[in-house]
Amino acid sequence: MAEEPSEEKSESPSEKRRQDSREKGTVAKSTEVNSVLVLVTALFMMRLVGPWLINRISRSIREYLHLASTTEMSFEYAIELTREMVVMGVMFIMPIAGSILVIGVTANIIQIGFLFTLKPLEPKLEKLDPIAGAKKLLALRSLVEMVKNILKLTIIIAVAYFTVRGEYDAMLMLADTSVLVIWHFILQSAFKIILRVALALIIIAILDYAYQRYEHEKKLKMTKQEVKEERKQMEGDPQIKARIRSIQREMARRRMMEEVPKATVVVTNPTYIAIALRYDPQENEAPVVVAKGKRVAAERIKKLATDHDIPIVEDKPLARAMYDKVDVGFAIPLEFFTAVAEIMAYVFKLKNREAA
């Protein structure tokens, strides 16, 4: 039996899905952007501090060679010489390495913002699956990466070739020049090649970043079923929520029925509506609705009233009006005072008569 095709991911990703992906470290990021920015930064710093570095290194080498020929070598002198070389090396490396570090971090922040997570480093057994690895090799992403690498290599070779070809006549003139001139020419040519390569790689980096964004957005897309499942998780299962509401209503109804025996009078419709009122002048300024109900609930209220010898008074207009306007636990509004007062007077007279 053939398997049913998987549902198409046609829905835009939700904010929760984006956040979950970000927490896992799965973000749209192009390594080409980092590489080209680091390369351009290194070129700029070399251009900026390169002459100073070369002069400083040349002077230091001459000084060391002179000292080596005129000074007797000892262990203390070797330690001091080594320390000076280390300090000088740090002075040479720090400006370039520091700027590259700052630009590398900045490039990441520009692309993905501030993000720190260790989840990508967690070991996963599925990464060792050879079948999954073979599928990745044949995936569209791997094909794009291969084309991108071939394009980068082609650009580097082409730029190097045309740059050297343009300097061919100047190279022929180097035969009768000094080593320093040749060295200067080599550095100038290398700088031209790297600069042109960097400019070409900027275009590749922009295209690669756009592709990474597109691919990431495509992976985050959701099926209609996934949208429903996520909504259920965030809002709760409708069936469970309905069950909870049903239980809450039942508990509220049970508490309401427990208050009926404390009522002073029950006003009825007579069979459709029942409202239990309690009035204690020492506790309340006006009668309070302790229970109300329709149909089955009304019958239960009247039965409880009968079992506890609570008077039941029939007043259709009053019962209907109070049911619509007064909630359980609240005192009756001013508009019902006169009608309820007559009922209370009748109830108290009836109780006094029974007591006598």
Protein backbone atom coordinates (compact mmCIF):
# COMPACT_ATOMS: atom_id res chain seq x y z
CA MET A 1 0.00 0.00 0.00
CA ALA A 2 1.52 3.33 -1.03
CA GLU A 3 2.19 5.91 1.68
CA GLU A 4 0.10 9.05 1.66
CA PRO A 5 2.04 12.16 0.69
CA SER A 6 3.03 14.38 3.60
CA GLU A 7 1.02 17.56 4.09
CA GLU A 8 2.48 20.58 2.36
CA LYS A 9 4.09 23.23 4.56
CA SER A 10 2.15 26.23 3.32
CA GLU A 11 1.66 28.23 6.54
CA SER A 12 3.99 30.98 7.69
CA PRO A 13 5.94 30.09 10.85
CA SER A 14 4.53 31.31 14.13
CA GLU A 15 6.47 33.42 16.61
CA LYS A 16 6.75 30.42 18.93
CA ARG A 17 8.27 28.28 16.18
CA ARG A 18 10.78 31.03 15.40
CA GLN A 19 11.69 31.35 19.06
CA ASP A 20 12.10 27.58 19.50
CA SER A 21 14.34 27.46 16.43
CA ARG A 22 16.43 30.31 17.78
CA GLU A 23 16.82 28.63 21.17
CA LYS A 24 18.13 25.54 19.37
CA GLY A 25 20.70 27.67 17.56
CA THR A 26 19.06 27.20 14.17
CA VAL A 27 19.20 30.65 12.62
CA ALA A 28 19.70 32.20 9.19
CA LYS A 29 23.42 32.85 9.03
CA SER A 30 25.91 33.08 6.18
CA THR A 31 29.54 32.19 6.87
CA GLU A 32 30.44 34.05 3.67
CA VAL A 33 29.49 37.36 5.29
CA ASN A 34 31.85 36.67 8.20
CA SER A 35 34.64 35.55 5.87
CA VAL A 36 34.48 38.54 3.55
CA LEU A 37 34.22 41.06 6.43
CA VAL A 38 37.20 39.46 8.18
CA LEU A 39 39.17 39.49 4.91
CA VAL A 40 38.39 43.15 4.22
CA THR A 41 39.26 44.07 7.81
CA ALA A 42 42.58 42.24 7.63
CA LEU A 43 43.40 44.02 4.35
CA PHE A 44 42.52 47.41 5.79
CA MET A 45 44.61 46.84 8.92
CA MET A 46 47.55 45.54 6.91
CA ARG A 47 47.33 48.60 4.69
CA LEU A 48 47.08 50.83 7.73
CA VAL A 49 49.79 49.37 9.96
CA GLY A 50 51.67 47.28 7.39
CA PRO A 51 54.43 49.82 6.62
CA TRP A 52 55.02 50.41 10.31
CA LEU A 53 55.14 46.66 10.97
CA ILE A 54 57.64 46.03 8.17
CA ASN A 55 59.92 48.87 9.28
CA ARG A 56 59.71 47.78 12.92
CA ILE A 57 60.46 44.15 12.07
CA SER A 58 63.39 45.13 9.84
CA ARG A 59 64.87 47.36 12.51
CA SER A 60 64.44 44.68 15.19
CA ILE A 61 66.10 42.04 13.01
CA ARG A 62 69.08 44.33 12.40
CA GLU A 63 69.37 45.08 16.10
CA TYR A 64 69.25 41.40 17.04
CA LEU A 65 71.83 40.45 14.44
CA HIS A 66 74.11 43.22 15.65
CA LEU A 67 73.71 42.20 19.28
CA ALA A 68 74.29 38.55 18.40
CA SER A 69 77.62 39.44 16.82
CA THR A 70 78.83 41.81 19.53
CA THR A 71 77.34 40.40 22.73
CA GLU A 72 78.31 37.24 24.48
CA MET A 73 75.33 34.92 24.67
CA SER A 74 74.26 33.80 28.15
CA PHE A 75 71.20 32.19 29.65
CA GLU A 76 69.98 35.48 31.18
CA TYR A 77 70.53 37.30 27.89
CA ALA A 78 68.65 34.57 25.97
CA ILE A 79 65.70 34.89 28.38
CA GLU A 80 65.63 38.65 27.98
CA LEU A 81 65.88 38.37 24.20
CA THR A 82 63.05 35.85 24.10
CA ARG A 83 60.85 38.09 26.27
CA GLU A 84 61.45 41.06 23.98
CA MET A 85 60.60 38.99 20.91
CA VAL A 86 57.36 37.78 22.49
CA VAL A 87 56.37 41.33 23.42
CA MET A 88 57.17 42.54 19.94
CA GLY A 89 55.19 39.67 18.40
CA VAL A 90 52.16 40.54 20.53
CA MET A 91 52.49 44.19 19.50
CA PHE A 92 52.46 43.14 15.85
CA ILE A 93 49.62 40.64 16.12
CA MET A 94 47.19 42.42 18.48
CA PRO A 95 46.04 45.26 16.17
CA ILE A 96 45.15 42.86 13.33
CA ALA A 97 43.88 39.98 15.49
CA GLY A 98 41.88 42.30 17.71
CA SER A 99 40.18 44.05 14.81
CA ILE A 100 39.40 40.71 13.14
CA LEU A 101 37.85 39.41 16.40
CA VAL A 102 35.69 42.52 16.81
CA ILE A 103 34.51 42.42 13.18
CA GLY A 104 33.78 38.67 13.38
CA VAL A 105 31.61 39.10 16.48
CA THR A 106 29.92 42.16 14.96
CA ALA A 107 29.12 40.24 11.77
CA ASN A 108 27.36 37.54 13.81
CA ILE A 109 25.40 40.10 15.82
CA ILE A 110 24.29 41.89 12.66
CA GLN A 111 22.98 38.64 11.17
CA ILE A 112 21.37 36.92 14.16
CA GLY A 113 21.49 39.39 17.06
CA PHE A 114 22.66 38.44 20.54
CA LEU A 115 22.36 34.67 20.93
CA PHE A 116 24.07 32.25 23.31
CA THR A 117 23.04 28.60 23.37
CA LEU A 118 24.81 25.28 23.91
CA LYS A 119 22.15 23.12 22.27
CA PRO A 120 24.01 22.80 18.93
CA LEU A 121 26.87 21.20 20.89
CA GLU A 122 24.67 18.52 22.46
CA PRO A 123 25.49 15.01 21.16
CA LYS A 124 22.80 13.53 18.91
CA LEU A 125 22.76 9.92 17.75
CA GLU A 126 20.96 10.81 14.52
CA LYS A 127 24.08 12.66 13.41
CA LEU A 128 25.83 9.28 13.19
CA ASP A 129 23.19 7.84 10.87
CA PRO A 130 24.95 7.07 7.54
CA ILE A 131 21.66 7.12 5.61
CA ALA A 132 20.82 10.59 6.89
CA GLY A 133 24.35 11.69 6.05
CA ALA A 134 24.01 10.39 2.50
CA LYS A 135 20.70 12.25 2.12
CA LYS A 136 22.40 15.47 3.23
CA LEU A 137 25.07 14.99 0.59
CA LEU A 138 22.39 14.75 -2.07
CA ALA A 139 20.27 17.59 -0.69
CA LEU A 140 19.76 20.92 -2.44
CA ARG A 141 21.74 22.71 0.26
CA SER A 142 24.82 20.56 -0.40
CA LEU A 143 24.50 21.23 -4.12
CA VAL A 144 24.32 24.98 -3.47
CA GLU A 145 27.39 24.81 -1.23
CA MET A 146 29.32 22.91 -3.90
CA VAL A 147 28.38 25.43 -6.60
CA LYS A 148 29.31 28.28 -4.26
CA ASN A 149 32.75 26.80 -3.51
CA ILE A 150 33.44 26.18 -7.20
CA LEU A 151 32.40 29.76 -7.97
CA LYS A 152 34.67 31.12 -5.23
CA LEU A 153 37.63 29.08 -6.51
CA THR A 154 36.96 30.21 -10.07
CA ILE A 155 36.83 33.85 -9.02
CA ILE A 156 40.10 33.58 -7.08
CA ILE A 157 41.90 31.91 -9.99
CA ALA A 158 40.50 34.38 -12.52
CA VAL A 159 41.35 37.42 -10.43
CA ALA A 160 44.85 36.15 -9.73
CA TYR A 161 45.43 35.35 -13.40
CA PHE A 162 44.26 38.69 -14.77
CA THR A 163 46.08 40.64 -12.06
CA VAL A 164 49.38 38.88 -12.73
CA ARG A 165 48.82 39.23 -16.45
CA GLY A 166 48.34 42.98 -16.02
CA GLU A 167 51.61 43.20 -14.09
CA TYR A 168 53.55 41.06 -16.59
CA ASP A 169 55.46 43.97 -18.14
CA ALA A 170 56.41 45.30 -14.72
CA MET A 171 57.63 41.84 -13.71
CA LEU A 172 60.07 41.80 -16.60
CA MET A 173 61.63 45.01 -15.30
CA LEU A 174 62.44 43.44 -11.93
CA ALA A 175 65.43 41.51 -13.22
CA ASP A 176 67.85 44.38 -12.59
CA THR A 177 66.27 45.68 -9.36
CA SER A 178 67.13 45.05 -5.71
CA VAL A 179 65.55 42.47 -3.43
CA LEU A 180 63.71 45.21 -1.55
CA VAL A 181 62.05 46.44 -4.75
CA ILE A 182 61.06 42.89 -5.71
CA TRP A 183 59.65 42.30 -2.23
CA HIS A 184 57.66 45.54 -2.44
CA PHE A 185 56.30 44.55 -5.87
CA ILE A 186 55.22 41.14 -4.58
CA LEU A 187 53.39 42.71 -1.64
CA GLN A 188 51.66 45.25 -3.88
CA SER A 189 50.54 42.55 -6.31
CA ALA A 190 49.31 40.29 -3.51
CA PHE A 191 47.34 43.17 -2.02
CA LYS A 192 45.71 43.88 -5.39
CA ILE A 193 44.75 40.23 -5.83
CA ILE A 194 43.28 39.89 -2.33
CA LEU A 195 41.43 43.21 -2.59
CA ARG A 196 39.80 42.29 -5.90
CA VAL A 197 38.92 38.84 -4.61
CA ALA A 198 37.33 40.43 -1.53
CA LEU A 199 35.23 42.78 -3.66
CA ALA A 200 34.01 39.83 -5.76
CA LEU A 201 33.27 37.78 -2.62
CA ILE A 202 31.11 40.60 -1.24
CA ILE A 203 28.60 39.89 -4.02
CA ILE A 204 28.71 36.16 -3.23
CA ALA A 205 28.23 36.91 0.48
CA ILE A 206 25.12 39.03 -0.21
CA LEU A 207 23.60 36.34 -2.43
CA ASP A 208 24.48 33.61 0.06
CA TYR A 209 22.90 35.51 2.96
CA ALA A 210 19.71 35.99 0.93
CA TYR A 211 19.66 32.26 0.14
CA GLN A 212 20.26 31.31 3.80
CA ARG A 213 17.33 33.50 4.83
CA TYR A 214 15.11 31.92 2.20
CA GLU A 215 16.17 28.38 3.15
CA HIS A 216 15.69 29.06 6.87
CA GLU A 217 12.24 30.54 6.29
CA LYS A 218 11.32 27.55 4.16
CA LYS A 219 12.36 25.10 6.89
CA LEU A 220 10.33 26.97 9.50
CA LYS A 221 7.09 26.85 7.50
CA MET A 222 4.32 24.82 9.07
CA THR A 223 1.54 22.55 7.91
CA LYS A 224 -2.04 23.33 8.81
CA GLN A 225 -2.00 20.44 11.28
CA GLU A 226 1.10 21.80 12.99
CA VAL A 227 -0.59 25.19 13.34
CA LYS A 228 -3.60 23.51 14.97
CA GLU A 229 -1.41 21.47 17.32
CA GLU A 230 0.57 24.53 18.37
CA ARG A 231 -2.61 26.48 19.00
CA LYS A 232 -3.88 23.62 21.15
CA GLN A 233 -0.66 23.62 23.16
CA MET A 234 -0.79 27.38 23.71
CA GLU A 235 -4.51 27.72 24.33
CA GLY A 236 -5.23 24.24 25.67
CA ASP A 237 -7.22 21.37 24.21
CA PRO A 238 -10.84 22.57 23.64
CA GLN A 239 -12.23 19.29 24.99
CA ILE A 240 -10.15 19.53 28.15
CA LYS A 241 -11.09 23.18 28.60
CA ALA A 242 -14.77 22.32 28.14
CA ARG A 243 -14.44 19.54 30.71
CA ILE A 244 -12.77 21.92 33.17
CA ARG A 245 -15.54 24.47 32.67
CA SER A 246 -18.13 21.76 33.21
CA ILE A 247 -16.49 20.71 36.47
CA GLN A 248 -16.27 24.32 37.61
CA ARG A 249 -19.95 24.87 36.86
CA GLU A 250 -20.85 21.71 38.76
CA MET A 251 -18.81 22.80 41.78
CA ALA A 252 -20.41 26.25 41.68
CA ARG A 253 -23.85 24.65 41.42
CA ARG A 254 -23.08 22.37 44.37
CA ARG A 255 -21.91 25.28 46.51
CA MET A 256 -25.03 27.19 45.50
CA MET A 257 -27.30 24.33 46.53
CA GLU A 258 -25.52 24.13 49.89
CA GLU A 259 -26.67 27.69 50.54
CA VAL A 260 -30.36 26.98 49.88
CA PRO A 261 -31.06 25.65 53.42
CA LYS A 262 -29.85 29.04 54.76
CA ALA A 263 -32.36 30.95 52.62
CA THR A 264 -35.24 32.97 54.05
CA VAL A 265 -37.65 32.48 51.16
CA VAL A 266 -37.76 30.96 47.66
CA VAL A 267 -39.52 32.94 44.92
CA THR A 268 -40.78 30.82 41.99
CA ASN A 269 -42.26 31.18 38.51
CA PRO A 270 -43.73 28.61 39.71
CA THR A 271 -42.16 25.65 37.82
CA TYR A 272 -39.67 27.24 35.45
CA ILE A 273 -37.65 29.53 37.75
CA ALA A 274 -36.69 29.43 41.43
CA ILE A 275 -34.71 32.08 43.32
CA ALA A 276 -33.61 31.61 46.94
CA LEU A 277 -33.26 34.84 49.00
CA ARG A 278 -31.67 35.28 52.41
CA TYR A 279 -32.27 38.32 54.55
CA ASP A 280 -30.69 38.99 57.91
CA PRO A 281 -30.97 42.63 59.03
CA GLN A 282 -27.85 42.27 61.16
CA GLU A 283 -25.71 41.06 58.21
CA ASN A 284 -27.14 42.72 55.11
CA GLU A 285 -28.99 45.90 54.31
CA ALA A 286 -30.95 44.13 51.54
CA PRO A 287 -31.87 40.53 50.72
CA VAL A 288 -29.16 38.53 48.94
CA VAL A 289 -29.66 35.93 46.18
CA VAL A 290 -28.05 32.73 47.48
CA ALA A 291 -29.24 30.44 44.66
CA LYS A 292 -31.17 30.55 41.43
CA GLY A 293 -31.96 28.10 38.66
CA LYS A 294 -34.19 27.05 35.82
CA ARG A 295 -36.02 23.80 35.12
CA VAL A 296 -34.10 20.97 36.87
CA ALA A 297 -32.10 23.35 39.05
CA ALA A 298 -35.31 25.15 40.02
CA GLU A 299 -36.90 21.83 41.06
CA ARG A 300 -33.86 20.98 43.20
CA ILE A 301 -34.01 24.38 44.90
CA LYS A 302 -37.72 23.96 45.68
CA LYS A 303 -37.16 20.43 46.98
CA LEU A 304 -34.38 21.60 49.30
CA ALA A 305 -36.62 24.44 50.46
CA THR A 306 -39.43 22.01 51.21
CA ASP A 307 -37.08 19.64 53.07
CA HIS A 308 -35.84 22.52 55.29
CA ASP A 309 -39.23 24.20 55.81
CA ILE A 310 -38.32 27.28 53.81
CA PRO A 311 -41.39 29.19 52.53
CA ILE A 312 -41.97 29.09 48.76
CA VAL A 313 -43.76 32.11 47.29
CA GLU A 314 -45.04 32.24 43.72
CA ASP A 315 -44.49 35.55 41.90
CA LYS A 316 -43.96 35.12 38.18
CA PRO A 317 -43.00 38.71 37.17
CA LEU A 318 -40.66 39.15 40.14
CA ALA A 319 -38.98 35.77 39.68
CA ARG A 320 -38.40 36.36 35.97
CA ALA A 321 -37.07 39.90 36.47
CA MET A 322 -34.71 38.99 39.33
CA TYR A 323 -33.36 35.96 37.48
CA ASP A 324 -32.26 38.13 34.55
CA LYS A 325 -30.84 41.02 36.59
CA VAL A 326 -29.36 39.60 39.83
CA ASP A 327 -26.46 37.14 40.10
CA VAL A 328 -25.86 34.67 42.90
CA GLY A 329 -24.12 36.26 45.87
CA PHE A 330 -25.35 39.80 45.17
CA ALA A 331 -28.01 41.87 46.92
CA ILE A 332 -31.19 42.72 45.05
CA PRO A 333 -31.24 46.14 43.36
CA LEU A 334 -33.41 49.01 44.54
CA GLU A 335 -36.14 48.38 41.97
CA PHE A 336 -37.08 45.09 43.66
CA PHE A 337 -37.15 46.39 47.23
CA THR A 338 -40.91 46.99 47.41
CA ALA A 339 -41.94 43.62 45.95
CA VAL A 340 -39.41 41.68 48.02
CA ALA A 341 -40.29 43.63 51.15
CA GLU A 342 -43.91 42.51 50.81
CA ILE A 343 -42.76 38.90 50.46
CA MET A 344 -40.43 39.19 53.47
CA ALA A 345 -43.20 40.74 55.55
CA TYR A 346 -45.45 37.84 54.64
CA VAL A 347 -42.70 35.31 55.51
CA PHE A 348 -41.88 36.90 58.86
CA LYS A 349 -45.60 37.11 59.72
CA LEU A 350 -45.96 33.45 58.80
CA LYS A 351 -42.96 32.48 60.97
CA ASN A 352 -44.26 34.53 63.89
CA ARG A 353 -47.64 32.87 63.57
CA GLU A 354 -46.04 29.42 63.55
CA ALA A 355 -43.88 30.35 66.55
CA ALA A 356 -46.96 31.57 68.46
